[in-house]
Amino acid sequence: MKIIQQPDGSADFIFDDREIEIMNKTKKLNLHGSAFKGVVNSMVHVMMSWNENIDEAIRNSKTNKSEEEFKTTK
């Protein structure tokens, strides 16, 4: 998986054919510890860059999600 930030502050998550095949089969994205660490590190980098590129109105807007919407399901 690659995370590519666009100049407008948006980002594309790009998966190779093998990753798509696995996700189609399992219906989930499962990352072992070191892979998840890599994704988190990439996300932190993207977030830092995002802050420089995103429109100020979007950066300062509030997210109106309830706590229930963010709970994980098993």
N, C-alpha and C. Protein backbone atom coordinates (compact mmCIF):
# COMPACT_ATOMS: atom_id res chain seq x y z
N MET A 1 0.84 -1.16 0.00
CA MET A 1 0.00 0.00 0.00
C MET A 1 0.89 1.23 0.00
N LYS A 2 0.50 2.17 -0.83
CA LYS A 2 1.19 3.45 -0.86
C LYS A 2 0.17 4.53 -0.53
N ILE A 3 0.63 5.54 0.18
CA ILE A 3 -0.21 6.69 0.48
C ILE A 3 0.40 7.87 -0.24
N ILE A 4 -0.36 8.45 -1.16
CA ILE A 4 0.14 9.56 -1.96
C ILE A 4 -0.72 10.78 -1.67
N GLN A 5 -0.10 11.83 -1.16
CA GLN A 5 -0.84 13.06 -0.89
C GLN A 5 -0.89 13.91 -2.15
N GLN A 6 -2.07 14.43 -2.42
CA GLN A 6 -2.29 15.31 -3.56
C GLN A 6 -2.04 16.77 -3.14
N PRO A 7 -1.76 17.63 -4.10
CA PRO A 7 -1.50 19.05 -3.78
C PRO A 7 -2.66 19.74 -3.07
N ASP A 8 -3.90 19.25 -3.25
CA ASP A 8 -5.04 19.89 -2.60
C ASP A 8 -5.25 19.42 -1.17
N GLY A 9 -4.36 18.54 -0.67
CA GLY A 9 -4.46 18.05 0.70
C GLY A 9 -5.14 16.70 0.80
N SER A 10 -5.77 16.22 -0.27
CA SER A 10 -6.38 14.89 -0.24
C SER A 10 -5.29 13.83 -0.36
N ALA A 11 -5.65 12.58 -0.19
CA ALA A 11 -4.66 11.51 -0.29
C ALA A 11 -5.27 10.30 -0.99
N ASP A 12 -4.45 9.60 -1.74
CA ASP A 12 -4.84 8.35 -2.38
C ASP A 12 -4.13 7.20 -1.67
N PHE A 13 -4.89 6.17 -1.36
CA PHE A 13 -4.34 4.93 -0.84
C PHE A 13 -4.29 3.98 -2.03
N ILE A 14 -3.11 3.57 -2.45
CA ILE A 14 -2.94 2.76 -3.65
C ILE A 14 -2.49 1.36 -3.25
N PHE A 15 -3.24 0.36 -3.72
CA PHE A 15 -2.96 -1.04 -3.40
C PHE A 15 -2.51 -1.76 -4.65
N ASP A 16 -1.56 -2.68 -4.50
CA ASP A 16 -1.15 -3.48 -5.65
C ASP A 16 -2.14 -4.64 -5.84
N ASP A 17 -2.01 -5.37 -6.94
CA ASP A 17 -2.95 -6.43 -7.28
C ASP A 17 -3.03 -7.50 -6.19
N ARG A 18 -1.89 -7.86 -5.62
CA ARG A 18 -1.87 -8.90 -4.57
C ARG A 18 -2.64 -8.42 -3.34
N GLU A 19 -2.45 -7.19 -2.95
CA GLU A 19 -3.16 -6.64 -1.79
C GLU A 19 -4.67 -6.61 -2.04
N ILE A 20 -5.06 -6.23 -3.23
CA ILE A 20 -6.49 -6.20 -3.58
C ILE A 20 -7.06 -7.61 -3.56
N GLU A 21 -6.30 -8.57 -4.08
CA GLU A 21 -6.74 -9.97 -4.07
C GLU A 21 -6.99 -10.45 -2.64
N ILE A 22 -6.08 -10.15 -1.75
CA ILE A 22 -6.22 -10.56 -0.34
C ILE A 22 -7.43 -9.90 0.29
N MET A 23 -7.59 -8.59 0.07
CA MET A 23 -8.73 -7.88 0.66
C MET A 23 -10.05 -8.38 0.08
N ASN A 24 -10.09 -8.72 -1.19
CA ASN A 24 -11.31 -9.28 -1.78
C ASN A 24 -11.65 -10.62 -1.16
N LYS A 25 -10.63 -11.40 -0.85
CA LYS A 25 -10.84 -12.73 -0.28
C LYS A 25 -11.24 -12.65 1.20
N THR A 26 -10.55 -11.82 1.97
CA THR A 26 -10.77 -11.77 3.41
C THR A 26 -11.76 -10.70 3.84
N LYS A 27 -12.04 -9.73 2.97
CA LYS A 27 -12.94 -8.60 3.25
C LYS A 27 -12.43 -7.71 4.38
N LYS A 28 -11.11 -7.71 4.56
CA LYS A 28 -10.53 -6.84 5.58
C LYS A 28 -9.07 -6.56 5.24
N LEU A 29 -8.53 -5.58 5.88
CA LEU A 29 -7.11 -5.25 5.78
C LEU A 29 -6.50 -5.57 7.13
N ASN A 30 -5.66 -6.59 7.18
CA ASN A 30 -5.03 -7.01 8.42
C ASN A 30 -3.54 -6.74 8.31
N LEU A 31 -3.00 -6.01 9.28
CA LEU A 31 -1.58 -5.68 9.28
C LEU A 31 -0.91 -6.22 10.53
N HIS A 32 0.20 -6.94 10.35
CA HIS A 32 0.95 -7.39 11.52
C HIS A 32 1.66 -6.18 12.11
N GLY A 33 2.25 -6.34 13.26
CA GLY A 33 2.80 -5.21 14.02
C GLY A 33 3.74 -4.31 13.25
N SER A 34 4.72 -4.88 12.57
CA SER A 34 5.70 -4.03 11.88
C SER A 34 5.08 -3.34 10.67
N ALA A 35 4.13 -4.01 9.98
CA ALA A 35 3.45 -3.38 8.85
C ALA A 35 2.56 -2.24 9.34
N PHE A 36 1.87 -2.45 10.45
CA PHE A 36 1.01 -1.39 11.00
C PHE A 36 1.85 -0.20 11.44
N LYS A 37 3.02 -0.48 12.02
CA LYS A 37 3.92 0.60 12.42
C LYS A 37 4.32 1.42 11.19
N GLY A 38 4.60 0.75 10.08
CA GLY A 38 4.95 1.44 8.85
C GLY A 38 3.82 2.32 8.34
N VAL A 39 2.57 1.81 8.41
CA VAL A 39 1.41 2.59 7.98
C VAL A 39 1.23 3.81 8.89
N VAL A 40 1.35 3.60 10.20
CA VAL A 40 1.21 4.71 11.14
C VAL A 40 2.28 5.76 10.88
N ASN A 41 3.52 5.34 10.68
CA ASN A 41 4.59 6.30 10.38
C ASN A 41 4.30 7.06 9.09
N SER A 42 3.81 6.36 8.07
CA SER A 42 3.44 7.02 6.82
C SER A 42 2.31 8.01 7.03
N MET A 43 1.32 7.62 7.84
CA MET A 43 0.20 8.51 8.11
C MET A 43 0.65 9.76 8.86
N VAL A 44 1.56 9.61 9.79
CA VAL A 44 2.08 10.78 10.52
C VAL A 44 2.77 11.73 9.54
N HIS A 45 3.56 11.16 8.63
CA HIS A 45 4.22 11.99 7.63
C HIS A 45 3.20 12.71 6.74
N VAL A 46 2.18 11.96 6.30
CA VAL A 46 1.13 12.56 5.47
C VAL A 46 0.39 13.64 6.24
N MET A 47 0.10 13.40 7.51
CA MET A 47 -0.61 14.40 8.31
C MET A 47 0.20 15.68 8.44
N MET A 48 1.49 15.56 8.62
CA MET A 48 2.34 16.75 8.73
C MET A 48 2.33 17.53 7.41
N SER A 49 2.43 16.82 6.29
CA SER A 49 2.38 17.46 4.98
C SER A 49 0.99 18.01 4.70
N TRP A 50 -0.02 17.27 5.09
CA TRP A 50 -1.41 17.68 4.88
C TRP A 50 -1.65 19.04 5.51
N ASN A 51 -1.15 19.22 6.70
CA ASN A 51 -1.37 20.48 7.42
C ASN A 51 -0.84 21.67 6.62
N GLU A 52 0.19 21.45 5.83
CA GLU A 52 0.76 22.53 5.03
C GLU A 52 -0.04 22.77 3.74
N ASN A 53 -0.72 21.74 3.22
CA ASN A 53 -1.35 21.82 1.91
C ASN A 53 -2.87 21.98 1.92
N ILE A 54 -3.51 21.63 3.01
CA ILE A 54 -4.97 21.62 3.02
C ILE A 54 -5.53 23.04 3.08
N ASP A 55 -6.67 23.22 2.49
CA ASP A 55 -7.35 24.50 2.54
C ASP A 55 -7.63 24.87 4.00
N GLU A 56 -7.39 26.12 4.37
CA GLU A 56 -7.53 26.55 5.76
C GLU A 56 -8.94 26.33 6.30
N ALA A 57 -9.96 26.53 5.47
CA ALA A 57 -11.34 26.31 5.91
C ALA A 57 -11.57 24.85 6.30
N ILE A 58 -10.99 23.93 5.53
CA ILE A 58 -11.13 22.51 5.85
C ILE A 58 -10.33 22.18 7.12
N ARG A 59 -9.12 22.70 7.21
CA ARG A 59 -8.28 22.44 8.38
C ARG A 59 -8.97 22.87 9.66
N ASN A 60 -9.68 23.97 9.63
CA ASN A 60 -10.30 24.52 10.84
C ASN A 60 -11.72 24.04 11.08
N SER A 61 -12.27 23.23 10.17
CA SER A 61 -13.64 22.75 10.34
C SER A 61 -13.69 21.65 11.41
N LYS A 62 -14.85 21.51 12.01
CA LYS A 62 -15.06 20.49 13.04
C LYS A 62 -15.65 19.24 12.42
N THR A 63 -15.29 18.09 12.95
CA THR A 63 -15.87 16.82 12.54
C THR A 63 -17.02 16.52 13.48
N ASN A 64 -18.18 16.22 12.93
CA ASN A 64 -19.37 15.99 13.75
C ASN A 64 -19.71 14.51 13.85
N LYS A 65 -18.75 13.71 14.14
CA LYS A 65 -18.98 12.28 14.30
C LYS A 65 -19.23 11.97 15.77
N SER A 66 -20.16 11.09 16.03
CA SER A 66 -20.41 10.68 17.40
C SER A 66 -19.39 9.62 17.81
N GLU A 67 -19.24 9.45 19.08
CA GLU A 67 -18.30 8.45 19.60
C GLU A 67 -18.68 7.06 19.10
N GLU A 68 -19.98 6.78 18.96
CA GLU A 68 -20.44 5.48 18.49
C GLU A 68 -19.90 5.15 17.10
N GLU A 69 -19.79 6.15 16.24
CA GLU A 69 -19.33 5.92 14.88
C GLU A 69 -17.86 5.53 14.82
N PHE A 70 -17.11 5.82 15.87
CA PHE A 70 -15.69 5.53 15.87
C PHE A 70 -15.33 4.25 16.63
N LYS A 71 -16.30 3.60 17.25
CA LYS A 71 -16.02 2.36 17.98
C LYS A 71 -15.68 1.26 17.00
N THR A 72 -14.75 0.42 17.37
CA THR A 72 -14.37 -0.69 16.50
C THR A 72 -15.34 -1.84 16.67
N THR A 73 -15.50 -2.60 15.62
CA THR A 73 -16.36 -3.78 15.69
C THR A 73 -15.49 -5.01 15.51
N LYS A 74 -15.91 -6.07 16.09
CA LYS A 74 -15.16 -7.33 16.00
C LYS A 74 -16.02 -8.38 15.38
